[in-house]
N, C-alpha and C. Protein backbone atom coordinates (compact mmCIF):
# COMPACT_ATOMS: atom_id res chain seq x y z
N UNK A 1 109.58 -9.72 152.46
CA UNK A 1 108.58 -8.72 152.05
C UNK A 1 109.28 -7.40 151.84
N UNK A 2 108.96 -6.73 150.76
CA UNK A 2 109.56 -5.44 150.44
C UNK A 2 108.97 -4.38 151.40
N UNK A 3 109.70 -3.34 151.57
CA UNK A 3 109.23 -2.22 152.44
C UNK A 3 107.95 -1.59 151.88
N UNK A 4 107.90 -1.44 150.56
CA UNK A 4 106.72 -0.84 149.96
C UNK A 4 105.49 -1.69 150.20
N UNK A 5 105.67 -3.03 150.07
CA UNK A 5 104.55 -3.93 150.32
C UNK A 5 104.09 -3.90 151.76
N UNK A 6 105.04 -3.79 152.63
CA UNK A 6 104.72 -3.73 154.07
C UNK A 6 103.95 -2.42 154.39
N UNK A 7 104.38 -1.32 153.81
CA UNK A 7 103.73 -0.05 154.02
C UNK A 7 102.32 -0.09 153.40
N UNK A 8 102.20 -0.69 152.25
CA UNK A 8 100.91 -0.81 151.60
C UNK A 8 99.95 -1.65 152.44
N UNK A 9 100.45 -2.69 153.08
CA UNK A 9 99.61 -3.52 153.98
C UNK A 9 99.17 -2.68 155.14
N UNK A 10 100.05 -1.87 155.68
CA UNK A 10 99.69 -1.03 156.83
C UNK A 10 98.60 0.00 156.39
N UNK A 11 98.72 0.50 155.16
CA UNK A 11 97.72 1.43 154.64
C UNK A 11 96.36 0.72 154.54
N UNK A 12 96.38 -0.52 154.11
CA UNK A 12 95.13 -1.28 153.94
C UNK A 12 94.51 -1.52 155.38
N UNK A 13 95.33 -1.82 156.31
CA UNK A 13 94.82 -2.03 157.71
C UNK A 13 94.24 -0.74 158.22
N UNK A 14 94.89 0.38 157.98
CA UNK A 14 94.37 1.65 158.42
C UNK A 14 93.06 1.98 157.77
N UNK A 15 93.00 1.70 156.48
CA UNK A 15 91.73 1.94 155.74
C UNK A 15 90.59 1.09 156.28
N UNK A 16 90.94 -0.17 156.59
CA UNK A 16 89.96 -1.10 157.17
C UNK A 16 89.46 -0.58 158.53
N UNK A 17 90.36 -0.03 159.33
CA UNK A 17 89.96 0.52 160.62
C UNK A 17 89.03 1.71 160.48
N UNK A 18 89.32 2.55 159.49
CA UNK A 18 88.44 3.70 159.22
C UNK A 18 87.05 3.24 158.79
N UNK A 19 86.99 2.26 157.93
CA UNK A 19 85.71 1.74 157.46
C UNK A 19 84.91 1.12 158.65
N UNK A 20 85.58 0.42 159.51
CA UNK A 20 84.94 -0.14 160.66
C UNK A 20 84.43 0.93 161.57
N UNK A 21 85.20 1.96 161.78
CA UNK A 21 84.78 3.08 162.63
C UNK A 21 83.54 3.76 162.04
N UNK A 22 83.53 3.91 160.75
CA UNK A 22 82.36 4.55 160.08
C UNK A 22 81.13 3.67 160.24
N UNK A 23 81.28 2.37 160.07
CA UNK A 23 80.15 1.46 160.24
C UNK A 23 79.58 1.51 161.66
N UNK A 24 80.50 1.51 162.64
CA UNK A 24 80.09 1.56 164.05
C UNK A 24 79.39 2.88 164.37
N UNK A 25 79.97 3.94 163.87
CA UNK A 25 79.40 5.29 164.12
C UNK A 25 78.01 5.40 163.49
N UNK A 26 77.84 4.79 162.31
CA UNK A 26 76.54 4.83 161.63
C UNK A 26 75.47 4.09 162.41
N UNK A 27 75.85 3.12 163.23
CA UNK A 27 74.87 2.37 164.03
C UNK A 27 74.64 3.03 165.40
N UNK A 28 75.32 4.15 165.62
CA UNK A 28 75.12 4.83 166.90
C UNK A 28 76.11 4.41 168.00
N UNK A 29 77.00 3.51 167.68
CA UNK A 29 77.98 3.05 168.64
C UNK A 29 79.02 4.09 168.90
N UNK A 30 79.36 4.30 170.17
CA UNK A 30 80.43 5.21 170.53
C UNK A 30 81.76 4.55 170.23
N UNK A 31 82.68 5.29 169.61
CA UNK A 31 83.96 4.66 169.19
C UNK A 31 85.09 5.42 169.81
N UNK A 32 86.20 4.74 170.01
CA UNK A 32 87.44 5.27 170.52
C UNK A 32 88.40 5.29 169.32
N UNK A 33 88.81 6.50 168.94
CA UNK A 33 89.61 6.67 167.71
C UNK A 33 91.14 6.66 168.03
N UNK A 34 91.51 6.38 169.27
CA UNK A 34 92.94 6.45 169.61
C UNK A 34 93.80 5.40 168.90
N UNK A 35 93.27 4.19 168.74
CA UNK A 35 93.98 3.14 168.04
C UNK A 35 94.16 3.54 166.59
N UNK A 36 93.10 4.10 166.00
CA UNK A 36 93.16 4.55 164.61
C UNK A 36 94.20 5.67 164.45
N UNK A 37 94.17 6.61 165.39
CA UNK A 37 95.14 7.71 165.34
C UNK A 37 96.57 7.15 165.34
N UNK A 38 96.84 6.21 166.19
CA UNK A 38 98.18 5.59 166.27
C UNK A 38 98.58 4.90 165.00
N UNK A 39 97.62 4.17 164.40
CA UNK A 39 97.90 3.45 163.16
C UNK A 39 98.19 4.43 162.03
N UNK A 40 97.41 5.48 161.92
CA UNK A 40 97.62 6.48 160.89
C UNK A 40 98.97 7.19 161.03
N UNK A 41 99.29 7.52 162.28
CA UNK A 41 100.57 8.16 162.55
C UNK A 41 101.73 7.27 162.13
N UNK A 42 101.62 6.01 162.46
CA UNK A 42 102.67 5.04 162.12
C UNK A 42 102.81 4.89 160.61
N UNK A 43 101.72 4.81 159.91
CA UNK A 43 101.77 4.70 158.44
C UNK A 43 102.38 5.92 157.83
N UNK A 44 102.00 7.10 158.29
CA UNK A 44 102.57 8.34 157.78
C UNK A 44 104.07 8.41 157.98
N UNK A 45 104.52 7.98 159.19
CA UNK A 45 105.98 7.98 159.48
C UNK A 45 106.69 7.00 158.50
N UNK A 46 106.08 5.86 158.24
CA UNK A 46 106.71 4.90 157.33
C UNK A 46 106.80 5.45 155.92
N UNK A 47 105.73 6.11 155.49
CA UNK A 47 105.71 6.67 154.11
C UNK A 47 106.79 7.76 153.99
N UNK A 48 106.88 8.60 154.99
CA UNK A 48 107.87 9.70 154.95
C UNK A 48 109.31 9.13 154.86
N UNK A 49 109.52 7.99 155.45
CA UNK A 49 110.86 7.40 155.46
C UNK A 49 111.22 6.70 154.15
N UNK A 50 110.23 6.49 153.26
CA UNK A 50 110.49 5.83 152.01
C UNK A 50 111.24 6.73 151.05
N UNK A 51 112.06 6.15 150.16
CA UNK A 51 112.63 6.98 149.08
C UNK A 51 111.49 7.55 148.23
N UNK A 52 111.67 8.70 147.70
CA UNK A 52 110.66 9.43 146.97
C UNK A 52 110.01 8.59 145.89
N UNK A 53 110.79 7.88 145.07
CA UNK A 53 110.24 7.11 143.98
C UNK A 53 109.35 5.93 144.45
N UNK A 54 109.66 5.38 145.63
CA UNK A 54 108.79 4.32 146.18
C UNK A 54 107.55 4.93 146.77
N UNK A 55 107.69 6.06 147.43
CA UNK A 55 106.49 6.69 148.06
C UNK A 55 105.50 7.13 147.03
N UNK A 56 105.95 7.55 145.86
CA UNK A 56 104.99 7.99 144.83
C UNK A 56 103.98 6.91 144.47
N UNK A 57 104.44 5.69 144.51
CA UNK A 57 103.54 4.57 144.13
C UNK A 57 102.42 4.40 145.16
N UNK A 58 102.56 4.97 146.32
CA UNK A 58 101.53 4.84 147.35
C UNK A 58 100.53 5.99 147.33
N UNK A 59 100.67 6.94 146.41
CA UNK A 59 99.81 8.12 146.44
C UNK A 59 98.30 7.73 146.28
N UNK A 60 97.93 6.81 145.36
CA UNK A 60 96.49 6.48 145.29
C UNK A 60 95.94 5.91 146.59
N UNK A 61 96.69 5.04 147.23
CA UNK A 61 96.24 4.47 148.51
C UNK A 61 96.12 5.54 149.57
N UNK A 62 97.09 6.45 149.60
CA UNK A 62 97.07 7.56 150.58
C UNK A 62 95.88 8.49 150.32
N UNK A 63 95.59 8.77 149.05
CA UNK A 63 94.45 9.62 148.72
C UNK A 63 93.14 9.01 149.15
N UNK A 64 93.03 7.70 148.95
CA UNK A 64 91.82 6.95 149.36
C UNK A 64 91.72 7.01 150.86
N UNK A 65 92.76 6.82 151.59
CA UNK A 65 92.77 6.87 153.03
C UNK A 65 92.34 8.25 153.52
N UNK A 66 92.86 9.25 152.92
CA UNK A 66 92.48 10.68 153.32
C UNK A 66 91.03 10.91 153.05
N UNK A 67 90.48 10.46 151.93
CA UNK A 67 89.08 10.64 151.62
C UNK A 67 88.20 9.90 152.64
N UNK A 68 88.62 8.66 153.03
CA UNK A 68 87.87 7.87 154.02
C UNK A 68 87.92 8.59 155.36
N UNK A 69 89.08 9.13 155.73
CA UNK A 69 89.19 9.89 157.00
C UNK A 69 88.34 11.16 156.97
N UNK A 70 88.29 11.83 155.84
CA UNK A 70 87.40 12.98 155.71
C UNK A 70 85.96 12.64 155.95
N UNK A 71 85.48 11.49 155.36
CA UNK A 71 84.13 11.06 155.56
C UNK A 71 83.88 10.71 157.05
N UNK A 72 84.83 10.08 157.67
CA UNK A 72 84.73 9.73 159.07
C UNK A 72 84.61 11.04 159.89
N UNK A 73 85.49 12.02 159.60
CA UNK A 73 85.43 13.28 160.28
C UNK A 73 84.07 13.96 160.19
N UNK A 74 83.51 13.90 158.98
CA UNK A 74 82.16 14.47 158.76
C UNK A 74 81.12 13.73 159.63
N UNK A 75 81.22 12.44 159.74
CA UNK A 75 80.27 11.70 160.54
C UNK A 75 80.42 12.04 162.02
N UNK A 76 81.65 12.17 162.45
CA UNK A 76 81.90 12.51 163.88
C UNK A 76 81.34 13.94 164.17
N UNK A 77 81.60 14.85 163.26
CA UNK A 77 81.11 16.19 163.41
C UNK A 77 79.57 16.22 163.47
N UNK A 78 78.93 15.47 162.59
CA UNK A 78 77.45 15.40 162.61
C UNK A 78 76.94 14.83 163.93
N UNK A 79 77.62 13.86 164.42
CA UNK A 79 77.22 13.20 165.67
C UNK A 79 77.40 14.20 166.81
N UNK A 80 78.45 14.94 166.84
CA UNK A 80 78.73 15.86 167.90
C UNK A 80 77.84 17.10 167.83
N UNK A 81 77.46 17.51 166.65
CA UNK A 81 76.62 18.69 166.45
C UNK A 81 75.63 18.38 165.37
N UNK A 82 74.58 17.59 165.68
CA UNK A 82 73.63 17.19 164.64
C UNK A 82 72.89 18.40 164.08
N UNK A 83 72.49 18.26 162.81
CA UNK A 83 71.75 19.37 162.17
C UNK A 83 70.44 19.58 162.93
N UNK A 84 69.94 20.82 162.95
CA UNK A 84 68.70 21.09 163.65
C UNK A 84 67.52 20.36 162.98
N UNK A 85 66.59 19.93 163.78
CA UNK A 85 65.42 19.23 163.28
C UNK A 85 64.40 20.30 162.94
N UNK A 86 63.85 20.23 161.75
CA UNK A 86 62.84 21.18 161.27
C UNK A 86 61.60 21.02 162.09
N UNK A 87 61.08 22.11 162.57
CA UNK A 87 59.82 22.06 163.32
C UNK A 87 58.64 21.96 162.39
N UNK A 88 57.69 21.14 162.77
CA UNK A 88 56.48 20.99 161.98
C UNK A 88 55.47 22.07 162.35
N UNK A 89 54.77 22.57 161.34
CA UNK A 89 53.75 23.53 161.57
C UNK A 89 52.53 22.79 162.17
N UNK A 90 51.99 23.41 163.22
CA UNK A 90 50.82 22.79 163.85
C UNK A 90 49.59 23.56 163.60
């Protein structure tokens, strides 16, 4: 297996973990993000170690992962500090 393919598979696993976390969070389940944090850190370290020309090919997958992480962060923030509920006029 090529290094690029291996890193790409790790990116896919990380993306899958983010999607699972988002689904669980949406159902109200409390989640532990430490495993996800470790996976993301490992993937980033692998990408940094790649030659520049090989790493460029991973940009779309990295951008997707970043967008998924941003959406997860928004969900966590909303859960930690939910928007105020509008009071009804009585």
